[in-house]
Amino acid sequence: MAKLRLSGLNAVQRQSLVISLTAFFTGLLLIALISVLVLITVRGGAYFWPKPIYSVALTPISPPALATEQVLPKETAPKETAQVVTLLANVFDDEAKSEIRLKYADALNPYGTQLLVERERIKRIDLAKNSAEIKLNDGRQVMAVPENVVTPEGANIPLAKLPQIMESVALISDEITKLNKQFLAPIHESLSRFDNRDVAADAPAREKLVAQFNEYQQRVRSLETQRDQYKLAVSFADGQPFSIPIFTIQSVDFVSRLTGFEKWKVAIGEVFVFLTESPKQANTSGGVFPALFGTVLMVFIMTIIVTPFGVMAAIYLSEYAPNTALTTIIRVSVSNMAGVPSIVYGVFGLGFFVYTLGGSIDSLFFSDTLPAPTMGSPGIFWAALTMAILTLPVVIVATEEGLRRVPEGLKAGSYALGATKIETIVRTILPIASPGIMTGVILAIARAAGEVAPLMLVGAVKFAPALPIDGEFPFLHLDRQFMHLGVLIYDSAFHSQTDAKSASMMFAACLLLLVVVFVLNILAVLLRTRLRKRYLKG
């Protein structure tokens, strides 16, 4: 019946129906895409936006009920011996839910603990304007009321002097770092060389180094003792005191009394920290700089590898390969390679590149370090090479399509002017086909930046102690493992099941990964547009 109705429509009506359906499904696609972006942006932005601290009064409950309401083990819950228990807490759930999730802090849990309570237990929620969010250098946070600053002499200094005290303590820490790097570390290396050469303990040169080492070490210990005695005295909702060493504090923000402008200022500072610092507390706080750096570097190396190989393969299939059944089989195989699950490429990269090829390189060039592997272990080079194999079909297909679009008349004109086949390809065909080549590179970048499963097998790790690039020769260390934004998001997904802050960090990392892919694609699109204007003006 529907077929008969369609056949009864005239050409204009059928065209209008097709346009309407196309517009409808395009609108649905745009709505879905915008919804995903809005969700990721809102949830990710919560990681940077300062969360107010409330004074929450709860009625006591019996121990059996307490065990069912807690997110964490029973012994981490606050002691409820009074009629009302008051906590300093962040509130993570909205008003519509029957239960409310809190991240509270007290003397037993100064660094925060998750708690899920029924809404009827809450007697009062007030904004705790005197409380502060104290962020530590190791990624932990303390929600408490700052009281005063304690000096090594035992004097109590008002909070207004806290910024100056933190600067003084930072200078002491810098002096300790300077002594360790410039004096203690070189002396320790010299003593290690003496040990390797079996130099006697009473040798004059050794005794001189030992005396210098002891002298500098004593100075470091004296500075550390002085630094550790600067403390910030705080208290919790129940009045219990707590002290925090000043040198462990990153910032102190009275988040419950910030103005709108001050909140934006704090949020921008958090974005800067997120982009420049390393992850902390098992990737649940801190920044993502090593993962961001590793992602961009891996994609860059992959692009350098896959582009020439993909272009050369496409040139052979388009310009040199005869039109036979074998060539058809090769084209079909290349197309089918794009549908192979990515984990298969990861297993191939681990088995062939890492164990076989890397092990052979170790046997030939790094035999003195065996059995410890150098190239025979997962690293960023093998990860880039594996992703190059994974994205190679995309580049080949897009490049070959671009080569087919070169008019045959241009080729014939080049040959008529006496150019060889190589000259025709390099100076005529490739420039005109360059927009198609860039299309393949764009698609390869988009896929490689978002892959996770194969990278976990060939080099990407949860935490890498050093970046692949540093100041030591040869500067670019292709054998090192690296961090990747996709792997960081995958790891954060497990922590986010019980920690709202970790969930926000996961969404923030997702948003950053989208921005990275978007920026890389924009750069490639701009280059493609420039090439198209240059070679396809007519």
Protein backbone atom coordinates (compact mmCIF):
# COMPACT_ATOMS: atom_id res chain seq x y z
CA MET A 1 0.00 0.00 0.00
CA ALA A 2 2.84 2.41 0.91
CA LYS A 3 4.52 1.56 -2.37
CA LEU A 4 1.34 2.40 -4.26
CA ARG A 5 1.02 5.73 -2.44
CA LEU A 6 4.63 6.67 -3.32
CA SER A 7 4.09 5.69 -6.94
CA GLY A 8 1.07 7.99 -7.03
CA LEU A 9 3.14 11.05 -6.12
CA ASN A 10 4.48 13.28 -8.82
CA ALA A 11 8.20 14.08 -9.20
CA VAL A 12 8.01 17.31 -7.20
CA GLN A 13 6.23 15.62 -4.30
CA ARG A 14 8.70 12.73 -4.25
CA GLN A 15 11.62 15.15 -4.26
CA SER A 16 10.03 17.13 -1.43
CA LEU A 17 9.50 13.93 0.57
CA VAL A 18 13.13 12.87 0.10
CA ILE A 19 14.36 16.31 1.17
CA SER A 20 12.11 16.26 4.24
CA LEU A 21 13.31 12.81 5.31
CA THR A 22 16.92 13.80 4.74
CA ALA A 23 16.49 16.96 6.79
CA PHE A 24 14.73 15.01 9.56
CA PHE A 25 17.49 12.42 9.95
CA THR A 26 20.19 15.11 9.65
CA GLY A 27 18.47 17.01 12.45
CA LEU A 28 18.38 13.88 14.61
CA LEU A 29 22.08 13.35 14.00
CA LEU A 30 22.88 16.95 14.94
CA ILE A 31 20.74 16.74 18.08
CA ALA A 32 22.50 13.53 19.16
CA LEU A 33 25.93 15.02 18.47
CA ILE A 34 25.16 18.25 20.32
CA SER A 35 23.72 16.28 23.25
CA VAL A 36 26.90 14.25 23.59
CA LEU A 37 29.06 17.38 23.42
CA VAL A 38 26.90 19.19 25.99
CA LEU A 39 26.98 16.20 28.37
CA ILE A 40 30.76 15.86 28.14
CA THR A 41 31.28 19.61 28.49
CA VAL A 42 28.99 19.99 31.51
CA ARG A 43 30.30 16.93 33.34
CA GLY A 44 33.90 17.71 32.42
CA GLY A 45 33.57 21.35 33.42
CA ALA A 46 32.51 20.24 36.91
CA TYR A 47 36.10 19.04 37.44
CA PHE A 48 37.36 22.63 37.21
CA TRP A 49 34.47 24.52 38.79
CA PRO A 50 34.94 25.06 42.55
CA LYS A 51 32.49 23.00 44.58
CA PRO A 52 30.99 24.78 47.63
CA ILE A 53 31.54 23.29 51.08
CA TYR A 54 28.48 22.85 53.30
CA SER A 55 28.00 22.18 56.98
CA VAL A 56 25.73 19.13 56.97
CA ALA A 57 23.91 18.00 60.13
CA LEU A 58 22.88 14.32 60.15
CA THR A 59 20.85 12.31 62.65
CA PRO A 60 22.60 9.19 64.01
CA ILE A 61 21.68 5.75 62.66
CA SER A 62 22.26 2.25 63.93
CA PRO A 63 25.39 0.37 62.83
CA PRO A 64 23.50 -2.21 60.68
CA ALA A 65 21.84 0.57 58.67
CA LEU A 66 25.13 2.42 58.41
CA ALA A 67 26.73 -0.52 56.63
CA THR A 68 24.08 -0.40 53.89
CA GLU A 69 24.30 3.33 53.32
CA GLN A 70 28.02 3.70 52.96
CA VAL A 71 29.96 3.75 49.75
CA LEU A 72 33.21 2.87 51.50
CA PRO A 73 33.90 0.28 54.28
CA LYS A 74 32.11 0.65 57.58
CA GLU A 75 35.13 1.66 59.62
CA THR A 76 35.62 4.84 57.55
CA ALA A 77 32.26 6.32 58.60
CA PRO A 78 32.13 9.17 61.11
CA LYS A 79 31.50 8.27 64.74
CA GLU A 80 27.89 9.14 65.56
CA THR A 81 27.58 9.39 69.32
CA ALA A 82 25.78 12.74 69.61
CA GLN A 83 22.19 13.62 68.80
CA VAL A 84 23.29 15.33 65.57
CA VAL A 85 26.52 14.77 63.66
CA THR A 86 27.88 17.80 61.79
CA LEU A 87 30.20 17.32 58.81
CA LEU A 88 31.97 19.51 56.29
CA ALA A 89 31.01 18.08 52.92
CA ASN A 90 30.59 18.57 49.18
CA VAL A 91 27.13 17.70 47.87
CA PHE A 92 27.09 15.82 44.55
CA ASP A 93 23.43 14.85 44.03
CA ASP A 94 20.45 17.01 43.07
CA GLU A 95 17.32 17.73 45.07
CA ALA A 96 15.15 15.23 43.18
CA LYS A 97 16.88 12.13 44.53
CA SER A 98 15.83 10.33 47.71
CA GLU A 99 19.48 9.76 48.63
CA ILE A 100 22.28 12.27 48.67
CA ARG A 101 25.97 11.63 48.05
CA LEU A 102 28.44 13.51 50.21
CA LYS A 103 32.18 13.80 50.25
CA TYR A 104 32.81 14.65 53.88
CA ALA A 105 35.88 15.36 55.98
CA ASP A 106 36.50 15.02 59.69
CA ALA A 107 39.41 14.28 62.03
CA LEU A 108 39.29 10.54 61.19
CA ASN A 109 39.02 11.17 57.43
CA PRO A 110 40.76 14.51 56.80
CA TYR A 111 41.28 13.86 53.07
CA GLY A 112 37.64 13.15 52.29
CA THR A 113 35.44 10.07 52.16
CA GLN A 114 32.35 9.25 50.10
CA LEU A 115 29.08 8.74 51.96
CA LEU A 116 25.58 7.97 50.65
CA VAL A 117 22.76 8.90 53.06
CA GLU A 118 18.98 9.08 52.95
CA ARG A 119 17.61 12.57 52.56
CA GLU A 120 15.36 12.33 55.66
CA ARG A 121 18.46 11.94 57.84
CA ILE A 122 19.62 15.44 56.90
CA LYS A 123 18.55 17.99 59.49
CA ARG A 124 20.33 21.02 58.10
CA ILE A 125 22.59 22.07 55.23
CA ASP A 126 24.30 25.44 55.57
CA LEU A 127 26.98 27.07 53.47
CA ALA A 128 30.26 26.83 55.42
CA LYS A 129 31.78 30.19 54.49
CA ASN A 130 34.72 29.87 56.90
CA SER A 131 35.78 26.49 55.50
CA ALA A 132 38.38 26.10 52.76
CA GLU A 133 39.36 23.58 50.13
CA ILE A 134 43.04 22.92 50.82
CA LYS A 135 44.68 21.21 47.85
CA LEU A 136 47.89 19.31 48.49
CA ASN A 137 50.77 18.73 46.09
CA ASP A 138 50.10 14.98 46.00
CA GLY A 139 46.56 15.46 44.71
CA ARG A 140 44.68 15.02 47.98
CA GLN A 141 42.29 17.62 49.38
CA VAL A 142 41.34 18.67 52.90
CA MET A 143 38.03 20.36 53.68
CA ALA A 144 38.49 22.23 56.95
CA VAL A 145 38.39 25.62 58.65
CA PRO A 146 41.85 27.27 58.63
CA GLU A 147 42.76 28.73 62.01
CA ASN A 148 46.33 30.08 61.90
CA VAL A 149 49.89 29.41 60.76
CA VAL A 150 52.39 27.80 63.16
CA THR A 151 56.06 28.81 62.77
CA PRO A 152 59.17 26.85 63.85
CA GLU A 153 59.35 29.09 66.92
CA GLY A 154 55.85 27.97 67.94
CA ALA A 155 54.22 31.34 67.22
CA ASN A 156 50.70 31.52 65.79
CA ILE A 157 50.50 33.84 62.78
CA PRO A 158 47.17 35.11 61.35
CA LEU A 159 45.90 33.61 58.09
CA ALA A 160 46.50 36.90 56.28
CA LYS A 161 50.22 36.08 56.34
CA LEU A 162 49.72 32.64 54.77
CA PRO A 163 50.73 33.67 51.18
CA GLN A 164 54.02 35.17 52.44
CA ILE A 165 54.71 32.11 54.57
CA MET A 166 54.06 29.82 51.59
CA GLU A 167 56.53 31.83 49.50
CA SER A 168 59.18 31.55 52.23
CA VAL A 169 58.63 27.80 52.51
CA ALA A 170 58.84 27.49 48.71
CA LEU A 171 62.24 29.18 48.79
CA ILE A 172 63.44 26.66 51.39
CA SER A 173 62.15 23.79 49.22
CA ASP A 174 63.95 25.25 46.19
CA GLU A 175 67.18 25.41 48.18
CA ILE A 176 66.77 21.76 49.18
CA THR A 177 66.18 20.77 45.55
CA LYS A 178 69.23 22.76 44.46
CA LEU A 179 71.48 21.04 47.01
CA ASN A 180 70.21 17.62 45.98
CA LYS A 181 70.69 18.19 42.25
CA GLN A 182 73.89 20.24 42.16
CA PHE A 183 75.84 18.61 44.97
CA LEU A 184 74.43 15.41 46.48
CA ALA A 185 73.52 13.70 43.19
CA PRO A 186 76.96 14.24 41.51
CA ILE A 187 78.79 13.17 44.69
CA HIS A 188 76.64 10.06 44.92
CA GLU A 189 77.46 9.20 41.29
CA SER A 190 81.18 9.65 41.96
CA LEU A 191 80.98 7.37 45.00
CA SER A 192 79.16 4.78 42.90
CA ARG A 193 81.99 4.85 40.36
CA PHE A 194 84.49 4.36 43.19
CA ASP A 195 82.47 1.32 44.32
CA ASN A 196 82.54 -0.15 40.82
CA ARG A 197 86.34 0.27 40.70
CA ASP A 198 86.75 -1.16 44.23
CA VAL A 199 88.41 2.01 45.55
CA ALA A 200 89.40 1.58 49.20
CA ALA A 201 87.23 3.21 51.85
CA ASP A 202 90.23 5.06 53.33
CA ALA A 203 91.42 6.48 49.97
CA PRO A 204 91.92 10.27 50.27
CA ALA A 205 89.71 11.09 47.27
CA ARG A 206 86.91 8.88 48.60
CA GLU A 207 87.19 10.30 52.12
CA LYS A 208 87.00 13.84 50.72
CA LEU A 209 83.82 13.00 48.77
CA VAL A 210 82.27 11.31 51.80
CA ALA A 211 82.99 14.36 53.95
CA GLN A 212 81.42 16.65 51.33
CA PHE A 213 78.41 14.35 51.03
CA ASN A 214 77.87 14.34 54.81
CA GLU A 215 78.21 18.13 54.95
CA TYR A 216 75.62 18.78 52.24
CA GLN A 217 73.33 16.08 53.60
CA GLN A 218 73.42 17.73 57.03
CA ARG A 219 72.48 21.05 55.44
CA VAL A 220 69.59 19.41 53.61
CA ARG A 221 68.32 17.78 56.81
CA SER A 222 68.54 21.08 58.66
CA LEU A 223 66.55 22.84 55.94
CA GLU A 224 63.99 20.01 55.88
CA THR A 225 63.52 20.25 59.63
CA GLN A 226 63.02 24.00 59.39
CA ARG A 227 60.59 23.61 56.47
CA ASP A 228 58.54 20.88 58.13
CA GLN A 229 57.89 23.02 61.21
CA TYR A 230 55.81 25.52 59.23
CA LYS A 231 52.26 24.21 59.56
CA LEU A 232 48.71 25.31 58.88
CA ALA A 233 46.41 24.66 61.84
CA VAL A 234 42.85 23.77 60.81
CA SER A 235 39.75 22.38 62.50
CA PHE A 236 36.75 20.37 61.36
CA ALA A 237 33.03 20.75 62.00
CA ASP A 238 33.29 18.95 65.34
CA GLY A 239 36.13 21.24 66.48
CA GLN A 240 38.84 18.58 66.19
CA PRO A 241 42.23 20.15 65.34
CA PHE A 242 44.46 19.06 62.48
CA SER A 243 47.76 20.42 61.17
CA ILE A 244 49.05 20.39 57.59
CA PRO A 245 52.72 21.03 56.68
CA ILE A 246 52.89 24.21 54.59
CA PHE A 247 55.26 22.71 52.01
CA THR A 248 52.65 20.08 51.08
CA ILE A 249 49.98 22.71 50.29
CA GLN A 250 49.34 23.73 46.70
CA SER A 251 46.50 26.19 47.28
CA VAL A 252 43.92 27.28 49.86
CA ASP A 253 40.56 28.40 48.45
CA PHE A 254 37.57 29.56 50.48
CA VAL A 255 35.24 28.13 47.87
CA SER A 256 32.03 28.79 49.80
CA ARG A 257 32.41 32.55 49.65
CA LEU A 258 33.82 33.07 46.17
CA THR A 259 32.15 35.56 43.87
CA GLY A 260 31.30 34.66 40.28
CA PHE A 261 34.46 36.31 38.98
CA GLU A 262 36.60 34.56 41.59
CA LYS A 263 35.05 31.19 40.68
CA TRP A 264 36.00 31.74 37.03
CA LYS A 265 39.49 32.69 38.12
CA VAL A 266 39.83 29.48 40.14
CA ALA A 267 38.39 27.42 37.27
CA ILE A 268 40.86 28.89 34.76
CA GLY A 269 43.69 28.11 37.17
CA GLU A 270 42.41 24.54 37.44
CA VAL A 271 42.38 24.23 33.64
CA PHE A 272 46.01 25.38 33.54
CA VAL A 273 46.94 22.82 36.21
CA PHE A 274 45.00 20.15 34.31
CA LEU A 275 46.98 20.82 31.13
CA THR A 276 50.43 21.19 32.70
CA GLU A 277 50.69 18.74 35.61
CA SER A 278 50.92 14.96 35.90
CA PRO A 279 48.09 12.75 37.19
CA LYS A 280 47.99 12.14 40.92
CA GLN A 281 46.29 9.76 43.33
CA ALA A 282 46.02 6.88 40.85
CA ASN A 283 44.81 9.15 38.01
CA THR A 284 41.90 10.54 40.04
CA SER A 285 43.23 14.09 40.43
CA GLY A 286 45.91 16.41 39.11
CA GLY A 287 46.53 16.98 35.41
CA VAL A 288 46.91 15.04 32.18
CA PHE A 289 49.97 16.62 30.56
CA PRO A 290 51.94 13.34 30.06
CA ALA A 291 48.87 11.73 28.47
CA LEU A 292 48.25 14.76 26.25
CA PHE A 293 51.90 14.89 25.20
CA GLY A 294 52.03 11.14 24.54
CA THR A 295 48.84 11.21 22.46
CA VAL A 296 50.02 14.05 20.22
CA LEU A 297 53.53 12.59 19.83
CA MET A 298 52.23 9.12 18.98
CA VAL A 299 49.81 10.53 16.37
CA PHE A 300 52.61 12.67 14.90
CA ILE A 301 55.00 9.72 14.56
CA MET A 302 52.20 7.55 13.15
CA THR A 303 51.38 10.20 10.54
CA ILE A 304 55.02 10.43 9.45
CA ILE A 305 55.13 6.64 9.01
CA VAL A 306 51.76 5.94 7.40
CA THR A 307 51.60 8.82 4.90
CA PRO A 308 54.53 7.88 2.60
CA PHE A 309 53.76 4.15 2.72
CA GLY A 310 50.06 4.73 2.03
CA VAL A 311 50.77 7.12 -0.84
CA MET A 312 53.34 4.80 -2.44
CA ALA A 313 50.98 1.82 -2.19
CA ALA A 314 48.15 3.85 -3.76
CA ILE A 315 50.44 5.04 -6.58
CA TYR A 316 51.43 1.45 -7.37
CA LEU A 317 47.81 0.25 -7.41
CA SER A 318 46.63 3.19 -9.51
CA GLU A 319 49.53 3.76 -11.94
CA TYR A 320 51.63 0.61 -12.16
CA ALA A 321 49.62 -2.48 -11.16
CA PRO A 322 48.04 -4.29 -14.14
CA ASN A 323 44.28 -4.71 -14.15
CA THR A 324 44.30 -8.39 -13.22
CA ALA A 325 42.55 -10.62 -10.72
CA LEU A 326 45.52 -10.33 -8.36
CA THR A 327 45.23 -6.54 -8.30
CA THR A 328 41.50 -6.85 -7.59
CA ILE A 329 42.21 -9.22 -4.71
CA ILE A 330 44.76 -6.75 -3.30
CA ARG A 331 42.27 -3.89 -3.46
CA VAL A 332 39.57 -5.99 -1.77
CA SER A 333 42.04 -7.06 0.92
CA VAL A 334 43.07 -3.47 1.59
CA SER A 335 39.43 -2.45 1.95
CA ASN A 336 38.72 -5.38 4.27
CA MET A 337 41.71 -4.51 6.46
CA ALA A 338 39.84 -1.39 7.56
CA GLY A 339 37.19 -3.62 9.16
CA VAL A 340 39.57 -5.80 11.17
CA PRO A 341 39.05 -5.29 14.96
CA SER A 342 41.69 -2.99 16.39
CA ILE A 343 42.67 -5.48 19.12
CA VAL A 344 43.88 -7.84 16.38
CA TYR A 345 46.34 -5.16 15.26
CA GLY A 346 47.45 -4.82 18.87
CA VAL A 347 48.17 -8.54 19.14
CA PHE A 348 50.01 -8.43 15.81
CA GLY A 349 52.08 -5.45 16.95
CA LEU A 350 52.97 -7.15 20.23
CA GLY A 351 53.91 -10.43 18.58
CA PHE A 352 55.71 -9.16 15.48
CA PHE A 353 56.99 -5.66 16.19
CA VAL A 354 57.80 -5.98 19.91
CA TYR A 355 58.82 -9.60 20.40
CA THR A 356 60.15 -10.53 16.95
CA LEU A 357 61.50 -7.31 15.41
CA GLY A 358 62.38 -5.65 18.72
CA GLY A 359 64.00 -8.79 20.06
CA SER A 360 66.14 -9.06 16.92
CA ILE A 361 67.25 -5.42 17.27
CA ASP A 362 68.25 -6.09 20.88
CA SER A 363 70.30 -9.11 19.83
CA LEU A 364 72.15 -7.10 17.18
CA PHE A 365 72.65 -3.69 18.78
CA PHE A 366 71.88 -3.94 22.51
CA SER A 367 73.33 -7.32 23.42
CA ASP A 368 75.29 -5.82 26.32
CA THR A 369 72.05 -4.90 28.13
CA LEU A 370 70.36 -8.29 27.73
CA PRO A 371 68.39 -9.96 29.23
CA ALA A 372 66.86 -6.55 30.03
CA PRO A 373 65.13 -5.55 26.76
CA THR A 374 65.61 -2.19 25.07
CA MET A 375 63.57 -2.32 21.87
CA GLY A 376 62.12 -5.72 22.70
CA SER A 377 59.54 -4.22 25.07
CA PRO A 378 56.44 -2.11 24.35
CA GLY A 379 57.24 1.51 23.52
CA ILE A 380 55.95 4.55 21.69
CA PHE A 381 57.65 3.63 18.39
CA TRP A 382 55.97 0.21 18.27
CA ALA A 383 52.66 1.84 19.21
CA ALA A 384 53.00 4.36 16.37
CA LEU A 385 53.99 1.60 13.94
CA THR A 386 51.01 -0.53 14.99
CA MET A 387 48.64 2.41 14.52
CA ALA A 388 50.24 3.08 11.14
CA ILE A 389 49.38 -0.49 10.05
CA LEU A 390 45.85 -0.01 11.43
CA THR A 391 45.23 3.24 9.53
CA LEU A 392 47.14 2.29 6.37
CA PRO A 393 44.02 1.04 4.49
CA VAL A 394 42.28 4.39 5.08
CA VAL A 395 45.18 6.33 3.58
CA ILE A 396 45.53 3.95 0.62
CA VAL A 397 41.83 4.07 -0.29
CA ALA A 398 41.56 7.86 0.04
CA THR A 399 44.78 8.45 -1.91
CA GLU A 400 43.82 6.07 -4.68
CA GLU A 401 40.46 7.83 -4.97
CA GLY A 402 42.29 11.15 -5.29
CA LEU A 403 44.60 9.74 -7.96
CA ARG A 404 41.62 8.54 -10.02
CA ARG A 405 40.23 12.06 -10.12
CA VAL A 406 43.28 13.43 -11.97
CA PRO A 407 42.13 14.08 -15.56
CA GLU A 408 43.68 11.78 -18.14
CA GLY A 409 44.28 14.79 -20.37
CA LEU A 410 46.78 16.23 -17.89
CA LYS A 411 48.69 12.97 -17.85
CA ALA A 412 48.69 12.77 -21.65
CA GLY A 413 49.84 16.41 -21.90
CA SER A 414 52.71 15.73 -19.50
CA TYR A 415 53.83 12.72 -21.54
CA ALA A 416 53.50 14.73 -24.76
CA LEU A 417 55.87 17.36 -23.39
CA GLY A 418 58.50 14.67 -22.83
CA ALA A 419 58.07 14.01 -19.09
CA THR A 420 58.78 10.53 -17.81
CA LYS A 421 56.28 8.56 -15.76
CA ILE A 422 58.06 9.41 -12.50
CA GLU A 423 58.13 13.11 -13.38
CA THR A 424 54.46 13.02 -14.33
CA ILE A 425 53.54 11.38 -11.02
CA VAL A 426 55.67 13.70 -8.85
CA ARG A 427 54.98 17.02 -10.60
CA THR A 428 51.49 16.57 -12.01
CA ILE A 429 49.50 13.73 -10.43
CA LEU A 430 50.51 14.02 -6.77
CA PRO A 431 49.98 17.81 -6.47
CA ILE A 432 46.49 17.52 -7.95
CA ALA A 433 45.69 14.46 -5.80
CA SER A 434 47.09 16.08 -2.61
CA PRO A 435 43.62 17.06 -1.25
CA GLY A 436 42.59 13.39 -1.43
CA ILE A 437 45.81 12.40 0.32
CA MET A 438 45.08 14.88 3.12
CA THR A 439 41.58 13.43 3.44
CA GLY A 440 43.11 10.03 4.15
CA VAL A 441 45.52 11.58 6.66
CA ILE A 442 42.63 13.32 8.44
CA LEU A 443 40.72 10.06 8.77
CA ALA A 444 43.87 8.27 9.98
CA ILE A 445 44.51 10.91 12.65
CA ALA A 446 40.92 10.77 13.87
CA ARG A 447 41.00 7.01 14.27
CA ALA A 448 44.50 6.72 15.74
CA ALA A 449 43.89 9.39 18.39
CA GLY A 450 40.85 7.57 19.77
CA GLU A 451 42.11 3.96 19.81
CA VAL A 452 42.78 2.36 23.18
CA ALA A 453 42.83 -1.45 23.02
CA PRO A 454 45.86 -1.96 20.69
CA LEU A 455 47.86 0.78 22.42
CA MET A 456 47.57 -0.95 25.80
CA LEU A 457 49.39 -3.95 24.30
CA VAL A 458 52.21 -2.10 22.53
CA GLY A 459 53.26 0.79 24.75
CA ALA A 460 50.54 2.88 26.41
CA VAL A 461 50.49 2.52 30.20
CA LYS A 462 48.52 3.86 33.14
CA PHE A 463 51.51 5.83 34.41
CA ALA A 464 54.86 6.50 32.72
CA PRO A 465 57.70 7.79 34.93
CA ALA A 466 59.30 9.82 32.12
CA LEU A 467 58.27 11.49 28.87
CA PRO A 468 59.51 10.05 25.55
CA ILE A 469 61.29 13.38 24.93
CA ASP A 470 63.73 14.92 27.40
CA GLY A 471 67.09 16.66 27.57
CA GLU A 472 69.18 13.49 27.51
CA PHE A 473 70.73 12.15 24.30
CA PRO A 474 69.22 11.01 21.93
CA PHE A 475 66.41 13.31 23.21
CA LEU A 476 63.65 11.27 21.52
CA HIS A 477 63.47 7.89 23.28
CA LEU A 478 61.39 5.65 21.02
CA ASP A 479 61.76 2.68 23.36
CA ARG A 480 59.96 4.34 26.28
CA GLN A 481 56.40 3.60 27.26
CA PHE A 482 53.99 6.53 27.19
CA MET A 483 50.67 7.73 28.52
CA HIS A 484 47.62 8.19 26.30
CA LEU A 485 44.40 10.12 26.87
CA GLY A 486 42.27 7.15 25.82
CA VAL A 487 43.99 4.85 28.31
CA LEU A 488 43.65 7.51 31.01
CA ILE A 489 39.90 7.76 30.32
CA TYR A 490 39.60 3.97 30.41
CA ASP A 491 41.39 3.83 33.77
CA SER A 492 39.36 6.73 35.21
CA ALA A 493 36.11 4.95 34.32
CA PHE A 494 36.79 2.38 37.06
CA HIS A 495 37.44 5.02 39.73
CA SER A 496 34.41 7.08 38.70
CA GLN A 497 31.99 4.37 39.88
CA THR A 498 32.42 5.47 43.52
CA ASP A 499 34.05 8.89 43.25
CA ALA A 500 32.24 11.85 41.71
CA LYS A 501 35.47 13.82 41.37
CA SER A 502 37.03 10.99 39.33
CA ALA A 503 33.96 10.93 37.09
CA SER A 504 34.41 14.64 36.41
CA MET A 505 38.08 14.09 35.56
CA MET A 506 37.10 11.31 33.15
CA PHE A 507 34.71 13.62 31.31
CA ALA A 508 37.30 16.42 31.33
CA ALA A 509 39.82 14.05 29.71
CA CYS A 510 37.16 13.04 27.15
CA LEU A 511 36.58 16.70 26.32
CA LEU A 512 40.32 17.27 25.95
CA LEU A 513 40.64 14.26 23.63
CA LEU A 514 37.84 15.64 21.46
CA VAL A 515 39.60 19.01 21.36
CA VAL A 516 42.91 17.35 20.38
CA VAL A 517 41.28 15.40 17.53
CA PHE A 518 39.39 18.52 16.45
CA VAL A 519 42.53 20.68 16.40
CA LEU A 520 44.58 18.06 14.52
CA ASN A 521 41.79 17.65 11.98
CA ILE A 522 41.39 21.42 11.58
CA LEU A 523 45.09 21.77 10.82
CA ALA A 524 44.87 19.00 8.23
CA VAL A 525 41.70 20.50 6.71
CA LEU A 526 43.36 23.91 6.41
CA LEU A 527 46.33 22.32 4.65
CA ARG A 528 43.99 20.40 2.34
CA THR A 529 42.06 23.58 1.51
CA ARG A 530 45.28 25.40 0.72
CA LEU A 531 46.43 22.60 -1.57
CA ARG A 532 43.05 22.49 -3.27
CA LYS A 533 43.12 26.23 -3.98
CA ARG A 534 46.65 25.97 -5.31
CA TYR A 535 46.31 23.00 -7.65
CA LEU A 536 42.58 22.88 -8.43
CA LYS A 537 41.83 26.49 -9.31
CA GLY A 538 40.20 25.53 -12.53
